[in-house]
Amino acid sequence: MTRRSAIAVLGLLVTVVGCGFKDSIAGAGKSEERIRREIGVDARVTFRTVNGVTSVLVTLHALPALPPPIARTRVEAIVRAEMRGVSTIEVVAKL
């Protein structure tokens, strides 16, 4: 690895860590735990950040006992509480 490429890699790491990537990973894990505990279904929370805009996809592994609009509102509230700067949240159920 040349010195120039090593500096580029270091710069990339500082940018990724500096923009809250680590916080987003932790927030996704906490969101999954809270959804399991509060909504009663397993979920997978994935996120993507492009140009400072973070989109979150929440995949519920079963239909919750709650009516869909209420479940979606609660899931969105959980994700917004655990992850900073989320622009869009999409909630889907895997049947």
C-alpha atoms as a PDB file:
ATOM      1  CA  MET A   1       0.000   0.000   0.000  1.00  0.00           C
ATOM      2  CA  THR A   2       1.464   3.327  -0.995  1.00  0.00           C
ATOM      3  CA  ARG A   3       1.513   6.311   1.298  1.00  0.00           C
ATOM      4  CA  ARG A   4      -1.048   8.134  -0.847  1.00  0.00           C
ATOM      5  CA  SER A   5      -3.547   5.236  -0.719  1.00  0.00           C
ATOM      6  CA  ALA A   6      -2.996   4.842   3.030  1.00  0.00           C
ATOM      7  CA  ILE A   7      -3.860   8.519   3.533  1.00  0.00           C
ATOM      8  CA  ALA A   8      -6.964   8.096   1.350  1.00  0.00           C
ATOM      9  CA  VAL A   9      -8.121   5.093   3.399  1.00  0.00           C
ATOM     10  CA  LEU A  10      -7.514   6.982   6.632  1.00  0.00           C
ATOM     11  CA  GLY A  11      -9.486   9.941   5.314  1.00  0.00           C
ATOM     12  CA  LEU A  12     -12.361   7.656   4.369  1.00  0.00           C
ATOM     13  CA  LEU A  13     -12.396   6.053   7.822  1.00  0.00           C
ATOM     14  CA  VAL A  14     -12.454   9.442   9.531  1.00  0.00           C
ATOM     15  CA  THR A  15     -15.340  10.519   7.301  1.00  0.00           C
ATOM     16  CA  VAL A  16     -17.363   7.357   7.966  1.00  0.00           C
ATOM     17  CA  VAL A  17     -16.820   7.442  11.724  1.00  0.00           C
ATOM     18  CA  GLY A  18     -17.291  11.200  11.832  1.00  0.00           C
ATOM     19  CA  CYS A  19     -20.705  11.101  10.150  1.00  0.00           C
ATOM     20  CA  GLY A  20     -22.226   8.867  12.806  1.00  0.00           C
ATOM     21  CA  PHE A  21     -21.952   5.490  11.088  1.00  0.00           C
ATOM     22  CA  LYS A  22     -21.153   3.827  14.397  1.00  0.00           C
ATOM     23  CA  ASP A  23     -24.145   5.532  16.041  1.00  0.00           C
ATOM     24  CA  SER A  24     -26.421   4.363  13.234  1.00  0.00           C
ATOM     25  CA  ILE A  25     -25.334   0.750  13.684  1.00  0.00           C
ATOM     26  CA  ALA A  26     -25.995   0.934  17.417  1.00  0.00           C
ATOM     27  CA  GLY A  27     -29.321   2.700  16.813  1.00  0.00           C
ATOM     28  CA  ALA A  28     -30.426  -0.010  14.378  1.00  0.00           C
ATOM     29  CA  GLY A  29     -29.687  -2.709  16.966  1.00  0.00           C
ATOM     30  CA  LYS A  30     -31.522  -0.823  19.706  1.00  0.00           C
ATOM     31  CA  SER A  31     -34.473  -0.257  17.369  1.00  0.00           C
ATOM     32  CA  GLU A  32     -34.706  -3.993  16.656  1.00  0.00           C
ATOM     33  CA  GLU A  33     -34.712  -4.763  20.383  1.00  0.00           C
ATOM     34  CA  ARG A  34     -37.376  -2.151  21.174  1.00  0.00           C
ATOM     35  CA  ILE A  35     -39.613  -3.269  18.292  1.00  0.00           C
ATOM     36  CA  ARG A  36     -39.382  -6.853  19.536  1.00  0.00           C
ATOM     37  CA  ARG A  37     -40.200  -5.773  23.091  1.00  0.00           C
ATOM     38  CA  GLU A  38     -42.871  -3.123  22.387  1.00  0.00           C
ATOM     39  CA  ILE A  39     -44.557  -4.370  19.192  1.00  0.00           C
ATOM     40  CA  GLY A  40     -44.082  -8.085  19.787  1.00  0.00           C
ATOM     41  CA  VAL A  41     -42.513  -9.109  16.469  1.00  0.00           C
ATOM     42  CA  ASP A  42     -38.951  -9.689  15.297  1.00  0.00           C
ATOM     43  CA  ALA A  43     -37.667  -7.037  12.925  1.00  0.00           C
ATOM     44  CA  ARG A  44     -34.637  -6.234  10.845  1.00  0.00           C
ATOM     45  CA  VAL A  45     -33.600  -2.584  10.641  1.00  0.00           C
ATOM     46  CA  THR A  46     -31.307  -1.594   7.795  1.00  0.00           C
ATOM     47  CA  PHE A  47     -30.176   1.873   6.828  1.00  0.00           C
ATOM     48  CA  ARG A  48     -28.456   3.671   4.005  1.00  0.00           C
ATOM     49  CA  THR A  49     -26.857   7.107   4.129  1.00  0.00           C
ATOM     50  CA  VAL A  50     -26.096   8.913   0.877  1.00  0.00           C
ATOM     51  CA  ASN A  51     -24.976  12.547   0.816  1.00  0.00           C
ATOM     52  CA  GLY A  52     -26.068  12.995   4.429  1.00  0.00           C
ATOM     53  CA  VAL A  53     -29.592  11.648   3.839  1.00  0.00           C
ATOM     54  CA  THR A  54     -30.398   8.512   5.857  1.00  0.00           C
ATOM     55  CA  SER A  55     -33.149   6.133   4.767  1.00  0.00           C
ATOM     56  CA  VAL A  56     -34.252   3.277   7.014  1.00  0.00           C
ATOM     57  CA  LEU A  57     -36.033   0.060   6.021  1.00  0.00           C
ATOM     58  CA  VAL A  58     -37.760  -1.865   8.806  1.00  0.00           C
ATOM     59  CA  THR A  59     -38.781  -5.406   7.856  1.00  0.00           C
ATOM     60  CA  LEU A  60     -41.194  -7.001  10.314  1.00  0.00           C
ATOM     61  CA  HIS A  61     -40.940 -10.805  10.256  1.00  0.00           C
ATOM     62  CA  ALA A  62     -44.641 -11.249  11.065  1.00  0.00           C
ATOM     63  CA  LEU A  63     -47.768  -9.145  11.141  1.00  0.00           C
ATOM     64  CA  PRO A  64     -48.175  -7.419  14.518  1.00  0.00           C
ATOM     65  CA  ALA A  65     -51.338  -7.809  16.579  1.00  0.00           C
ATOM     66  CA  LEU A  66     -51.872  -4.047  16.361  1.00  0.00           C
ATOM     67  CA  PRO A  67     -53.800  -2.429  13.498  1.00  0.00           C
ATOM     68  CA  PRO A  68     -51.308  -1.636  10.682  1.00  0.00           C
ATOM     69  CA  PRO A  69     -51.478   2.197  10.906  1.00  0.00           C
ATOM     70  CA  ILE A  70     -50.841   2.135  14.659  1.00  0.00           C
ATOM     71  CA  ALA A  71     -48.026  -0.416  14.322  1.00  0.00           C
ATOM     72  CA  ARG A  72     -46.364   1.657  11.580  1.00  0.00           C
ATOM     73  CA  THR A  73     -46.597   4.843  13.667  1.00  0.00           C
ATOM     74  CA  ARG A  74     -45.067   3.135  16.705  1.00  0.00           C
ATOM     75  CA  VAL A  75     -42.258   1.548  14.676  1.00  0.00           C
ATOM     76  CA  GLU A  76     -41.443   4.923  13.100  1.00  0.00           C
ATOM     77  CA  ALA A  77     -41.403   6.566  16.548  1.00  0.00           C
ATOM     78  CA  ILE A  78     -39.025   3.900  17.877  1.00  0.00           C
ATOM     79  CA  VAL A  79     -36.637   4.303  14.939  1.00  0.00           C
ATOM     80  CA  ARG A  80     -36.655   8.116  15.192  1.00  0.00           C
ATOM     81  CA  ALA A  81     -35.939   7.876  18.930  1.00  0.00           C
ATOM     82  CA  GLU A  82     -32.982   5.511  18.462  1.00  0.00           C
ATOM     83  CA  MET A  83     -31.418   6.877  15.259  1.00  0.00           C
ATOM     84  CA  ARG A  84     -30.486  10.511  14.687  1.00  0.00           C
ATOM     85  CA  GLY A  85     -31.112  12.332  11.429  1.00  0.00           C
ATOM     86  CA  VAL A  86     -33.359   9.801   9.724  1.00  0.00           C
ATOM     87  CA  SER A  87     -35.023  11.271   6.633  1.00  0.00           C
ATOM     88  CA  THR A  88     -37.315   8.462   5.536  1.00  0.00           C
ATOM     89  CA  ILE A  89     -38.583   5.285   7.182  1.00  0.00           C
ATOM     90  CA  GLU A  90     -40.251   2.467   5.277  1.00  0.00           C
ATOM     91  CA  VAL A  91     -41.998  -0.289   7.223  1.00  0.00           C
ATOM     92  CA  VAL A  92     -42.811  -3.580   5.506  1.00  0.00           C
ATOM     93  CA  ALA A  93     -44.012  -6.968   6.753  1.00  0.00           C
ATOM     94  CA  LYS A  94     -42.418 -10.160   5.483  1.00  0.00           C
ATOM     95  CA  LEU A  95     -45.119 -12.768   5.113  1.00  0.00           C
END
